[in-house]
Amino acid sequence: MNTKIILFLILGIDVLNLVLQTSELSISYYEASLLYGGFSPLQYIVKTSISIFGQNDFSLRLPMIMLHLFGTLLLYKISNKYIDNERNRLWLIFIYVLLPGIISSAIIVDSAGLVLFGLLFFIYMYQNFSKTILYPLLSIYIFLDGGFLFLFLALSLFAIKEKDKKFFIFNTASFFTSLYLYGINTHGAPKGHFLDSIGIYATIFTPILFIYIFYSLYRKYLNKDMDILWYISSTALIVSLLLSFRQRIHVEHFAPYLIVALPVMAQVFIHSYRVRLKIFRKRYRVIFIITLVFLFINSSVVFFNKYLYPVMDNPKKHFAYKMHVAKELSRKLKSMGVNCLESDEKMSKRLKFYNVTKCNNYILLENNLNSSIRSNVTISYKNRLVYKANVTKININ
């Protein structure tokens, strides 16, 4: 079958799954804060989508899905420099869309998806166009998001290696400008979150892939084969691990940088596979198959996460709980004739998106799931109670 047909088939199924997943999620407090908080470029993009397609979950997540789609195509183009076989590039894309971290960034309204697309777009422009066009692009990145801070740092180090004085000065200035605008938290006494960070990275990539990405970057260093992708990925990884020695870091801010190392990882794996005789390739095939199995399991858990509720003692410890309940709660309230009420700050912001506004006519009080208090609002997933509350009318004299 034609590789382009297979590519678009992979992308088509991927986007279809993401669109279907939007119906399973509610807006989170973080997303609501971004949507109704201070201005940001990502907020403007999302609000534009909402103004065109209406205020619903699809329009909320459509920009992230589109960024993911175009970013995947960019990765396919970028990988051409590292993987000469088109079939192997398709395998890379297949692995990419199955990564739990990629699935999350493709549907959650968060700067991680925007930064990942920005990194892929920059690398593509670097590979295919004159360096002069990179300066205005990087200038835009300064004001687009604070997540590009580590890109400027990586490019400064890369410029030293390339002995490009102009590029070094520009990126160093961009780094300090971004640092001034957004800052970086380095306060607090050492608390030893190094292993926690490693664990989160392993969750985002699956353990085998994370270990092999780390190995591939280290091997490139030993072979002195350090290109721009190596600098972008390694710089962010080293900074994140150093910071984690003294504080808990937001790994999702660094993960996009490590994701762009996938072509490097694939190149190292394919080279290691090819230089060995057929009788010694079995170990690599086993590793590849085990990796795919883990990816299928992890991606299935993400897509069918509501099926985990029946087996959990505490539903609130579900990894996606913060992105559930609100939409179903708004429907329950509207069916009761309640279109505005008083509730806690987090739920109030979330309900606002579903046109349940704030007022003092009713009050919403959440009840403990294990309490015997009778509740007039309950929400269950897969026959498992996950939320219960009382809505009470307030008498105003």
Foldseek 3Di string as FASTA:
>chain_A
DDLVVLLVVLLVVLLVLLLVLLVFWFAFLVLLCQCPHDDAPLNVCLVVLCVVVNLDSCSNLVVLLVLLSVLLVLLLVLLVVQDVDSVLSSVLSNLLSLFQLSSCSSGHSDCLSVVLSLVSVLSSCVVPHDCVVSLVSLVVVLRRDLLCLLVLVLQLVQCVVVVPVVSNVSSVVSNVSSCVVPNDDLDAFFDQCLVVLLVVLCNRNPVLRVVLLVVLLVVCVVVVVADSLSSQLVSLVVVQNVSNRRDDDDSSSSNSSSSSSSSSSSSVLVVVQVVDDPVPNVVSVVSVVVSVVVSVVSSVCVSVVLVCQVVDPALVPRPRVSGDDLVVQLVVCVVVVQQEEAEDPRSQSSNVSVRRHYDHQKYKAWDDPPDPDDFPDWDGGPPHTHTGIHIGGDDDD
